[in-house]
Amino acid sequence: MKEVKINDRLLQQAAEKGMDAFVGVFVDAITTAIGGSLNSHNMAELNADQITLLAYHYLHEEVMDGGFVQLIHNGLGAFIYKNPTGKAFRQWGIQELYQIINKSHRLYAKYHEEIERDCTDDEFMAMFEKYPEFDEFDDKFIENEEQFTGKIAHYIDEHIENFATITHE
């Protein structure tokens, strides 16, 4: 397992800034520990909670920027839908996020090959009109994003040792 370390002072400063900064400190530390980006080689060096946190980070970044269509187009659909990501969120107490992933999975299965193909910017933008079924899930995620991030922060705080070693250097 990769050792992920976070300085206590940095963690306290992030906690004072709010839940986004608190979660971000852990995401940044895990990302740094694996050399910058998650891949099939370094995934084995992380535990399930660390991988789930990175999954939430990628899901959050993509859906908040361009919805589930963008998430899938940018190649992250398989990571979210072909792994037990939804079930992990349910175990973390985020039932609503589990439901979004579970219910949108059929759309991923139906459309991912076409959405993942290389295309021009205009063709990509047209996908949002071509696949309006994803809008419901985009909206649910965006409406609940603050609640999801709050629950993620709470889970991290309650299981901090699963995410990083806190140092006092």
N, C-alpha and C. Protein backbone atom coordinates (compact mmCIF):
# COMPACT_ATOMS: atom_id res chain seq x y z
N MET A 1 0.83 -1.19 0.00
CA MET A 1 0.00 0.00 0.00
C MET A 1 0.87 1.25 0.00
N LYS A 2 0.44 2.22 -0.76
CA LYS A 2 1.13 3.52 -0.77
C LYS A 2 0.87 4.21 0.56
N GLU A 3 1.91 4.82 1.08
CA GLU A 3 1.72 5.59 2.30
C GLU A 3 1.33 7.01 1.91
N VAL A 4 0.20 7.43 2.40
CA VAL A 4 -0.31 8.77 2.15
C VAL A 4 -0.18 9.54 3.45
N LYS A 5 0.50 10.68 3.40
CA LYS A 5 0.71 11.48 4.60
C LYS A 5 0.13 12.87 4.41
N ILE A 6 -0.45 13.38 5.49
CA ILE A 6 -0.97 14.75 5.50
C ILE A 6 -0.51 15.41 6.80
N ASN A 7 0.05 16.59 6.67
CA ASN A 7 0.48 17.34 7.84
C ASN A 7 -0.75 17.84 8.59
N ASP A 8 -0.75 17.66 9.90
CA ASP A 8 -1.88 18.04 10.74
C ASP A 8 -2.23 19.52 10.60
N ARG A 9 -1.24 20.37 10.51
CA ARG A 9 -1.48 21.81 10.37
C ARG A 9 -2.22 22.11 9.07
N LEU A 10 -1.79 21.47 7.98
CA LEU A 10 -2.46 21.63 6.69
C LEU A 10 -3.90 21.13 6.76
N LEU A 11 -4.09 20.02 7.43
CA LEU A 11 -5.43 19.45 7.59
C LEU A 11 -6.34 20.39 8.38
N GLN A 12 -5.80 20.97 9.46
CA GLN A 12 -6.60 21.90 10.27
C GLN A 12 -6.98 23.15 9.48
N GLN A 13 -6.04 23.66 8.69
CA GLN A 13 -6.33 24.83 7.85
C GLN A 13 -7.43 24.52 6.84
N ALA A 14 -7.35 23.34 6.24
CA ALA A 14 -8.37 22.95 5.27
C ALA A 14 -9.73 22.79 5.93
N ALA A 15 -9.75 22.20 7.12
CA ALA A 15 -11.01 22.01 7.84
C ALA A 15 -11.66 23.35 8.16
N GLU A 16 -10.85 24.34 8.48
CA GLU A 16 -11.38 25.68 8.77
C GLU A 16 -11.99 26.32 7.53
N LYS A 17 -11.48 25.98 6.36
CA LYS A 17 -12.00 26.54 5.10
C LYS A 17 -13.31 25.90 4.68
N GLY A 18 -13.59 24.70 5.16
CA GLY A 18 -14.84 24.05 4.81
C GLY A 18 -14.65 22.65 4.27
N MET A 19 -15.77 22.01 3.99
CA MET A 19 -15.74 20.60 3.61
C MET A 19 -15.06 20.36 2.26
N ASP A 20 -15.20 21.27 1.31
CA ASP A 20 -14.55 21.08 0.01
C ASP A 20 -13.03 21.06 0.17
N ALA A 21 -12.51 21.99 0.95
CA ALA A 21 -11.06 22.04 1.18
C ALA A 21 -10.59 20.83 1.97
N PHE A 22 -11.39 20.41 2.96
CA PHE A 22 -11.05 19.23 3.77
C PHE A 22 -10.94 17.99 2.88
N VAL A 23 -11.94 17.76 2.05
CA VAL A 23 -11.92 16.62 1.13
C VAL A 23 -10.76 16.77 0.15
N GLY A 24 -10.55 17.98 -0.33
CA GLY A 24 -9.49 18.25 -1.30
C GLY A 24 -8.10 17.91 -0.80
N VAL A 25 -7.84 18.13 0.48
CA VAL A 25 -6.52 17.79 1.05
C VAL A 25 -6.26 16.30 0.90
N PHE A 26 -7.26 15.49 1.15
CA PHE A 26 -7.10 14.04 1.03
C PHE A 26 -6.95 13.62 -0.43
N VAL A 27 -7.76 14.19 -1.31
CA VAL A 27 -7.65 13.88 -2.74
C VAL A 27 -6.26 14.24 -3.24
N ASP A 28 -5.79 15.43 -2.88
CA ASP A 28 -4.46 15.88 -3.32
C ASP A 28 -3.35 14.97 -2.78
N ALA A 29 -3.45 14.59 -1.52
CA ALA A 29 -2.41 13.74 -0.92
C ALA A 29 -2.39 12.35 -1.56
N ILE A 30 -3.55 11.79 -1.82
CA ILE A 30 -3.62 10.47 -2.47
C ILE A 30 -3.09 10.57 -3.89
N THR A 31 -3.50 11.61 -4.60
CA THR A 31 -3.05 11.80 -5.99
C THR A 31 -1.54 11.97 -6.05
N THR A 32 -0.98 12.73 -5.13
CA THR A 32 0.47 12.91 -5.08
C THR A 32 1.17 11.59 -4.79
N ALA A 33 0.63 10.80 -3.86
CA ALA A 33 1.24 9.53 -3.49
C ALA A 33 1.30 8.55 -4.65
N ILE A 34 0.35 8.64 -5.57
CA ILE A 34 0.35 7.70 -6.71
C ILE A 34 0.97 8.31 -7.96
N GLY A 35 1.60 9.46 -7.83
CA GLY A 35 2.33 10.03 -8.94
C GLY A 35 1.51 10.90 -9.87
N GLY A 36 0.36 11.34 -9.45
CA GLY A 36 -0.39 12.31 -10.23
C GLY A 36 -1.70 11.86 -10.82
N SER A 37 -1.82 10.59 -11.16
CA SER A 37 -3.10 10.13 -11.71
C SER A 37 -3.29 8.64 -11.46
N LEU A 38 -4.53 8.28 -11.30
CA LEU A 38 -4.88 6.88 -11.03
C LEU A 38 -4.84 6.08 -12.32
N ASN A 39 -4.23 4.90 -12.25
CA ASN A 39 -4.22 3.99 -13.40
C ASN A 39 -4.26 2.55 -12.89
N SER A 40 -4.31 1.62 -13.80
CA SER A 40 -4.46 0.21 -13.41
C SER A 40 -3.26 -0.29 -12.59
N HIS A 41 -2.10 0.31 -12.76
CA HIS A 41 -0.91 -0.13 -12.03
C HIS A 41 -0.93 0.36 -10.58
N ASN A 42 -1.22 1.65 -10.39
CA ASN A 42 -1.14 2.18 -9.02
C ASN A 42 -2.44 2.00 -8.24
N MET A 43 -3.51 1.61 -8.90
CA MET A 43 -4.77 1.38 -8.19
C MET A 43 -4.60 0.30 -7.12
N ALA A 44 -3.79 -0.70 -7.42
CA ALA A 44 -3.55 -1.80 -6.47
C ALA A 44 -2.79 -1.34 -5.23
N GLU A 45 -2.19 -0.15 -5.31
CA GLU A 45 -1.43 0.38 -4.18
C GLU A 45 -2.30 1.19 -3.22
N LEU A 46 -3.60 1.31 -3.54
CA LEU A 46 -4.52 2.06 -2.70
C LEU A 46 -5.55 1.12 -2.09
N ASN A 47 -6.14 1.54 -0.98
CA ASN A 47 -7.20 0.74 -0.39
C ASN A 47 -8.55 1.16 -0.99
N ALA A 48 -9.59 0.43 -0.67
CA ALA A 48 -10.91 0.67 -1.26
C ALA A 48 -11.44 2.07 -0.94
N ASP A 49 -11.22 2.55 0.27
CA ASP A 49 -11.70 3.89 0.62
C ASP A 49 -10.97 4.97 -0.17
N GLN A 50 -9.67 4.82 -0.36
CA GLN A 50 -8.92 5.80 -1.14
C GLN A 50 -9.39 5.81 -2.59
N ILE A 51 -9.62 4.64 -3.16
CA ILE A 51 -10.10 4.55 -4.54
C ILE A 51 -11.50 5.16 -4.65
N THR A 52 -12.35 4.90 -3.68
CA THR A 52 -13.70 5.45 -3.70
C THR A 52 -13.66 6.98 -3.61
N LEU A 53 -12.77 7.51 -2.81
CA LEU A 53 -12.64 8.97 -2.72
C LEU A 53 -12.20 9.55 -4.07
N LEU A 54 -11.24 8.92 -4.72
CA LEU A 54 -10.83 9.41 -6.04
C LEU A 54 -11.97 9.28 -7.04
N ALA A 55 -12.75 8.21 -6.94
CA ALA A 55 -13.91 8.05 -7.83
C ALA A 55 -14.88 9.21 -7.63
N TYR A 56 -15.14 9.57 -6.37
CA TYR A 56 -16.03 10.71 -6.11
C TYR A 56 -15.43 11.98 -6.69
N HIS A 57 -14.15 12.18 -6.51
CA HIS A 57 -13.49 13.38 -7.04
C HIS A 57 -13.67 13.47 -8.56
N TYR A 58 -13.38 12.38 -9.27
CA TYR A 58 -13.52 12.40 -10.73
C TYR A 58 -14.98 12.60 -11.13
N LEU A 59 -15.88 11.89 -10.46
CA LEU A 59 -17.31 12.02 -10.73
C LEU A 59 -17.76 13.46 -10.51
N HIS A 60 -17.36 14.03 -9.39
CA HIS A 60 -17.73 15.41 -9.05
C HIS A 60 -17.20 16.39 -10.10
N GLU A 61 -15.93 16.28 -10.42
CA GLU A 61 -15.32 17.22 -11.37
C GLU A 61 -16.01 17.16 -12.73
N GLU A 62 -16.23 15.97 -13.23
CA GLU A 62 -16.81 15.81 -14.57
C GLU A 62 -18.29 16.19 -14.61
N VAL A 63 -19.07 15.71 -13.65
CA VAL A 63 -20.51 15.98 -13.68
C VAL A 63 -20.79 17.46 -13.42
N MET A 64 -20.07 18.08 -12.52
CA MET A 64 -20.29 19.50 -12.26
C MET A 64 -19.89 20.35 -13.46
N ASP A 65 -18.95 19.87 -14.27
CA ASP A 65 -18.49 20.63 -15.43
C ASP A 65 -19.32 20.35 -16.67
N GLY A 66 -19.68 19.08 -16.90
CA GLY A 66 -20.36 18.75 -18.15
C GLY A 66 -21.30 17.57 -18.07
N GLY A 67 -21.64 17.15 -16.88
CA GLY A 67 -22.62 16.08 -16.72
C GLY A 67 -22.06 14.69 -16.98
N PHE A 68 -22.97 13.74 -16.94
CA PHE A 68 -22.58 12.34 -17.13
C PHE A 68 -22.10 12.07 -18.54
N VAL A 69 -22.62 12.82 -19.53
CA VAL A 69 -22.13 12.65 -20.90
C VAL A 69 -20.64 12.97 -20.95
N GLN A 70 -20.22 14.06 -20.32
CA GLN A 70 -18.80 14.41 -20.31
C GLN A 70 -17.99 13.37 -19.55
N LEU A 71 -18.49 12.91 -18.41
CA LEU A 71 -17.81 11.87 -17.64
C LEU A 71 -17.52 10.66 -18.52
N ILE A 72 -18.52 10.22 -19.25
CA ILE A 72 -18.38 9.04 -20.11
C ILE A 72 -17.47 9.35 -21.29
N HIS A 73 -17.66 10.49 -21.92
CA HIS A 73 -16.83 10.86 -23.08
C HIS A 73 -15.35 10.94 -22.71
N ASN A 74 -15.06 11.41 -21.52
CA ASN A 74 -13.67 11.55 -21.09
C ASN A 74 -13.07 10.26 -20.56
N GLY A 75 -13.78 9.15 -20.73
CA GLY A 75 -13.23 7.84 -20.42
C GLY A 75 -13.35 7.39 -18.98
N LEU A 76 -14.13 8.09 -18.18
CA LEU A 76 -14.25 7.73 -16.77
C LEU A 76 -15.50 6.91 -16.48
N GLY A 77 -16.32 6.68 -17.47
CA GLY A 77 -17.53 5.89 -17.27
C GLY A 77 -17.24 4.48 -16.78
N ALA A 78 -16.27 3.83 -17.40
CA ALA A 78 -15.94 2.46 -17.00
C ALA A 78 -15.48 2.42 -15.54
N PHE A 79 -14.70 3.40 -15.13
CA PHE A 79 -14.22 3.45 -13.75
C PHE A 79 -15.38 3.56 -12.77
N ILE A 80 -16.37 4.35 -13.10
CA ILE A 80 -17.51 4.55 -12.21
C ILE A 80 -18.49 3.38 -12.30
N TYR A 81 -18.81 2.95 -13.51
CA TYR A 81 -19.88 1.97 -13.70
C TYR A 81 -19.45 0.51 -13.67
N LYS A 82 -18.20 0.23 -13.98
CA LYS A 82 -17.76 -1.17 -14.01
C LYS A 82 -17.06 -1.61 -12.73
N ASN A 83 -16.99 -0.73 -11.78
CA ASN A 83 -16.46 -1.03 -10.45
C ASN A 83 -17.60 -0.88 -9.45
N PRO A 84 -17.44 -1.39 -8.25
CA PRO A 84 -18.53 -1.27 -7.26
C PRO A 84 -18.59 0.11 -6.61
N THR A 85 -18.41 1.15 -7.41
CA THR A 85 -18.39 2.52 -6.89
C THR A 85 -19.70 2.88 -6.21
N GLY A 86 -20.81 2.61 -6.88
CA GLY A 86 -22.11 2.93 -6.29
C GLY A 86 -22.33 2.24 -4.97
N LYS A 87 -21.97 0.97 -4.91
CA LYS A 87 -22.13 0.21 -3.66
C LYS A 87 -21.24 0.78 -2.56
N ALA A 88 -20.05 1.23 -2.93
CA ALA A 88 -19.16 1.84 -1.93
C ALA A 88 -19.79 3.11 -1.37
N PHE A 89 -20.40 3.92 -2.23
CA PHE A 89 -21.06 5.13 -1.74
C PHE A 89 -22.23 4.78 -0.82
N ARG A 90 -22.94 3.72 -1.15
CA ARG A 90 -24.04 3.28 -0.28
C ARG A 90 -23.49 2.87 1.09
N GLN A 91 -22.36 2.15 1.10
CA GLN A 91 -21.73 1.76 2.37
C GLN A 91 -21.26 2.97 3.17
N TRP A 92 -20.93 4.04 2.46
CA TRP A 92 -20.51 5.28 3.12
C TRP A 92 -21.71 6.08 3.63
N GLY A 93 -22.92 5.60 3.36
CA GLY A 93 -24.12 6.29 3.81
C GLY A 93 -24.67 7.30 2.84
N ILE A 94 -24.26 7.21 1.57
CA ILE A 94 -24.71 8.16 0.56
C ILE A 94 -25.65 7.44 -0.40
N GLN A 95 -26.79 7.07 0.10
CA GLN A 95 -27.79 6.29 -0.64
C GLN A 95 -28.22 7.00 -1.93
N GLU A 96 -28.40 8.31 -1.87
CA GLU A 96 -28.86 9.05 -3.04
C GLU A 96 -27.86 8.96 -4.19
N LEU A 97 -26.58 9.02 -3.87
CA LEU A 97 -25.55 8.92 -4.91
C LEU A 97 -25.52 7.51 -5.48
N TYR A 98 -25.67 6.52 -4.62
CA TYR A 98 -25.78 5.14 -5.08
C TYR A 98 -26.92 5.01 -6.08
N GLN A 99 -28.06 5.60 -5.77
CA GLN A 99 -29.22 5.50 -6.65
C GLN A 99 -28.98 6.18 -7.99
N ILE A 100 -28.32 7.32 -7.99
CA ILE A 100 -28.01 8.01 -9.25
C ILE A 100 -27.14 7.12 -10.12
N ILE A 101 -26.09 6.56 -9.55
CA ILE A 101 -25.19 5.70 -10.32
C ILE A 101 -25.90 4.44 -10.77
N ASN A 102 -26.64 3.83 -9.89
CA ASN A 102 -27.35 2.59 -10.21
C ASN A 102 -28.36 2.81 -11.34
N LYS A 103 -29.15 3.86 -11.24
CA LYS A 103 -30.19 4.11 -12.24
C LYS A 103 -29.64 4.60 -13.57
N SER A 104 -28.52 5.33 -13.54
CA SER A 104 -27.94 5.82 -14.80
C SER A 104 -27.07 4.76 -15.48
N HIS A 105 -26.80 3.66 -14.79
CA HIS A 105 -25.95 2.61 -15.35
C HIS A 105 -26.52 2.05 -16.66
N ARG A 106 -27.83 1.91 -16.74
CA ARG A 106 -28.43 1.37 -17.97
C ARG A 106 -28.17 2.29 -19.16
N LEU A 107 -28.15 3.61 -18.91
CA LEU A 107 -27.85 4.55 -19.99
C LEU A 107 -26.38 4.44 -20.41
N TYR A 108 -25.51 4.27 -19.42
CA TYR A 108 -24.09 4.05 -19.74
C TYR A 108 -23.94 2.81 -20.61
N ALA A 109 -24.58 1.72 -20.21
CA ALA A 109 -24.48 0.46 -20.96
C ALA A 109 -25.02 0.63 -22.38
N LYS A 110 -26.06 1.39 -22.52
CA LYS A 110 -26.72 1.56 -23.81
C LYS A 110 -25.94 2.47 -24.76
N TYR A 111 -25.34 3.55 -24.22
CA TYR A 111 -24.78 4.60 -25.08
C TYR A 111 -23.26 4.80 -24.99
N HIS A 112 -22.59 4.13 -24.09
CA HIS A 112 -21.19 4.50 -23.84
C HIS A 112 -20.29 4.40 -25.06
N GLU A 113 -20.49 3.40 -25.90
CA GLU A 113 -19.60 3.26 -27.06
C GLU A 113 -19.68 4.47 -27.98
N GLU A 114 -20.87 4.96 -28.20
CA GLU A 114 -21.02 6.13 -29.07
C GLU A 114 -20.52 7.40 -28.38
N ILE A 115 -20.79 7.54 -27.10
CA ILE A 115 -20.35 8.73 -26.37
C ILE A 115 -18.83 8.77 -26.24
N GLU A 116 -18.19 7.63 -26.11
CA GLU A 116 -16.74 7.57 -25.91
C GLU A 116 -15.93 7.80 -27.18
N ARG A 117 -16.56 7.72 -28.32
CA ARG A 117 -15.79 7.84 -29.57
C ARG A 117 -15.20 9.24 -29.72
N ASP A 118 -14.08 9.29 -30.46
CA ASP A 118 -13.47 10.58 -30.75
C ASP A 118 -14.42 11.40 -31.61
N CYS A 119 -14.46 12.70 -31.35
CA CYS A 119 -15.35 13.56 -32.11
C CYS A 119 -14.87 15.00 -32.04
N THR A 120 -15.45 15.83 -32.87
CA THR A 120 -15.14 17.26 -32.85
C THR A 120 -15.85 17.91 -31.66
N ASP A 121 -15.48 19.13 -31.37
CA ASP A 121 -16.16 19.86 -30.29
C ASP A 121 -17.65 20.02 -30.58
N ASP A 122 -17.98 20.30 -31.84
CA ASP A 122 -19.39 20.45 -32.21
C ASP A 122 -20.15 19.14 -32.04
N GLU A 123 -19.53 18.04 -32.41
CA GLU A 123 -20.18 16.73 -32.24
C GLU A 123 -20.36 16.41 -30.75
N PHE A 124 -19.36 16.77 -29.96
CA PHE A 124 -19.47 16.55 -28.52
C PHE A 124 -20.62 17.38 -27.94
N MET A 125 -20.69 18.64 -28.31
CA MET A 125 -21.77 19.50 -27.79
C MET A 125 -23.14 18.97 -28.21
N ALA A 126 -23.22 18.39 -29.39
CA ALA A 126 -24.49 17.84 -29.88
C ALA A 126 -24.94 16.63 -29.05
N MET A 127 -24.00 15.97 -28.39
CA MET A 127 -24.35 14.80 -27.57
C MET A 127 -25.28 15.16 -26.42
N PHE A 128 -25.17 16.38 -25.92
CA PHE A 128 -26.04 16.78 -24.82
C PHE A 128 -27.51 16.81 -25.25
N GLU A 129 -27.74 17.16 -26.51
CA GLU A 129 -29.10 17.14 -27.05
C GLU A 129 -29.50 15.73 -27.47
N LYS A 130 -28.52 14.97 -27.90
CA LYS A 130 -28.80 13.62 -28.38
C LYS A 130 -29.14 12.66 -27.23
N TYR A 131 -28.60 12.92 -26.05
CA TYR A 131 -28.80 12.03 -24.90
C TYR A 131 -29.43 12.78 -23.72
N PRO A 132 -30.64 13.30 -23.90
CA PRO A 132 -31.27 14.06 -22.81
C PRO A 132 -31.64 13.20 -21.61
N GLU A 133 -31.60 11.88 -21.76
CA GLU A 133 -31.93 10.99 -20.64
C GLU A 133 -30.98 11.21 -19.46
N PHE A 134 -29.77 11.68 -19.75
CA PHE A 134 -28.80 11.90 -18.68
C PHE A 134 -29.11 13.16 -17.86
N ASP A 135 -29.92 14.07 -18.41
CA ASP A 135 -30.21 15.34 -17.74
C ASP A 135 -30.76 15.15 -16.33
N GLU A 136 -31.65 14.20 -16.18
CA GLU A 136 -32.25 13.93 -14.87
C GLU A 136 -31.18 13.59 -13.83
N PHE A 137 -30.20 12.81 -14.24
CA PHE A 137 -29.13 12.39 -13.32
C PHE A 137 -28.14 13.53 -13.07
N ASP A 138 -27.88 14.32 -14.11
CA ASP A 138 -27.05 15.51 -13.92
C ASP A 138 -27.69 16.43 -12.88
N ASP A 139 -28.98 16.68 -13.06
CA ASP A 139 -29.71 17.58 -12.15
C ASP A 139 -29.71 17.06 -10.72
N LYS A 140 -29.95 15.76 -10.56
CA LYS A 140 -29.97 15.18 -9.21
C LYS A 140 -28.61 15.30 -8.54
N PHE A 141 -27.55 15.07 -9.32
CA PHE A 141 -26.21 15.19 -8.75
C PHE A 141 -25.95 16.63 -8.32
N ILE A 142 -26.22 17.57 -9.21
CA ILE A 142 -25.93 18.98 -8.93
C ILE A 142 -26.76 19.47 -7.74
N GLU A 143 -28.02 19.09 -7.69
CA GLU A 143 -28.90 19.51 -6.59
C GLU A 143 -28.41 18.98 -5.24
N ASN A 144 -27.79 17.81 -5.24
CA ASN A 144 -27.37 17.16 -4.00
C ASN A 144 -25.87 17.22 -3.75
N GLU A 145 -25.13 17.90 -4.60
CA GLU A 145 -23.67 17.90 -4.53
C GLU A 145 -23.15 18.34 -3.17
N GLU A 146 -23.72 19.37 -2.61
CA GLU A 146 -23.25 19.86 -1.31
C GLU A 146 -23.48 18.80 -0.23
N GLN A 147 -24.62 18.16 -0.27
CA GLN A 147 -24.93 17.09 0.68
C GLN A 147 -23.97 15.92 0.50
N PHE A 148 -23.71 15.54 -0.77
CA PHE A 148 -22.79 14.43 -1.03
C PHE A 148 -21.40 14.75 -0.48
N THR A 149 -20.91 15.94 -0.79
CA THR A 149 -19.57 16.32 -0.33
C THR A 149 -19.52 16.36 1.19
N GLY A 150 -20.58 16.82 1.82
CA GLY A 150 -20.64 16.83 3.28
C GLY A 150 -20.56 15.43 3.86
N LYS A 151 -21.27 14.50 3.24
CA LYS A 151 -21.23 13.11 3.72
C LYS A 151 -19.87 12.48 3.47
N ILE A 152 -19.24 12.82 2.35
CA ILE A 152 -17.88 12.34 2.07
C ILE A 152 -16.93 12.85 3.16
N ALA A 153 -17.01 14.15 3.45
CA ALA A 153 -16.14 14.74 4.48
C ALA A 153 -16.37 14.07 5.83
N HIS A 154 -17.62 13.82 6.17
CA HIS A 154 -17.94 13.16 7.44
C HIS A 154 -17.37 11.75 7.47
N TYR A 155 -17.51 11.02 6.36
CA TYR A 155 -16.98 9.65 6.31
C TYR A 155 -15.46 9.68 6.48
N ILE A 156 -14.80 10.59 5.78
CA ILE A 156 -13.34 10.69 5.93
C ILE A 156 -12.98 10.97 7.38
N ASP A 157 -13.66 11.93 7.98
CA ASP A 157 -13.36 12.32 9.36
C ASP A 157 -13.55 11.15 10.33
N GLU A 158 -14.55 10.33 10.09
CA GLU A 158 -14.82 9.18 10.96
C GLU A 158 -13.89 8.00 10.70
N HIS A 159 -13.24 7.97 9.54
CA HIS A 159 -12.37 6.85 9.14
C HIS A 159 -11.03 7.37 8.61
N ILE A 160 -10.53 8.40 9.23
CA ILE A 160 -9.36 9.12 8.72
C ILE A 160 -8.16 8.21 8.47
N GLU A 161 -8.01 7.19 9.32
CA GLU A 161 -6.86 6.28 9.18
C GLU A 161 -6.93 5.46 7.90
N ASN A 162 -8.09 5.35 7.29
CA ASN A 162 -8.22 4.62 6.01
C ASN A 162 -7.74 5.45 4.83
N PHE A 163 -7.56 6.74 5.05
CA PHE A 163 -7.22 7.64 3.95
C PHE A 163 -5.78 8.13 4.00
N ALA A 164 -5.28 8.40 5.19
CA ALA A 164 -3.93 8.96 5.30
C ALA A 164 -3.42 8.85 6.73
N THR A 165 -2.11 8.96 6.84
CA THR A 165 -1.47 9.09 8.14
C THR A 165 -1.29 10.58 8.39
N ILE A 166 -1.74 11.04 9.53
CA ILE A 166 -1.62 12.45 9.87
C ILE A 166 -0.30 12.64 10.61
N THR A 167 0.53 13.52 10.07
CA THR A 167 1.85 13.76 10.65
C THR A 167 1.85 15.08 11.42
N HIS A 168 2.79 15.20 12.34
CA HIS A 168 2.90 16.42 13.15
C HIS A 168 4.28 17.05 12.96
N GLU A 169 4.79 16.97 11.76
CA GLU A 169 6.14 17.47 11.46
C GLU A 169 6.11 18.96 11.21
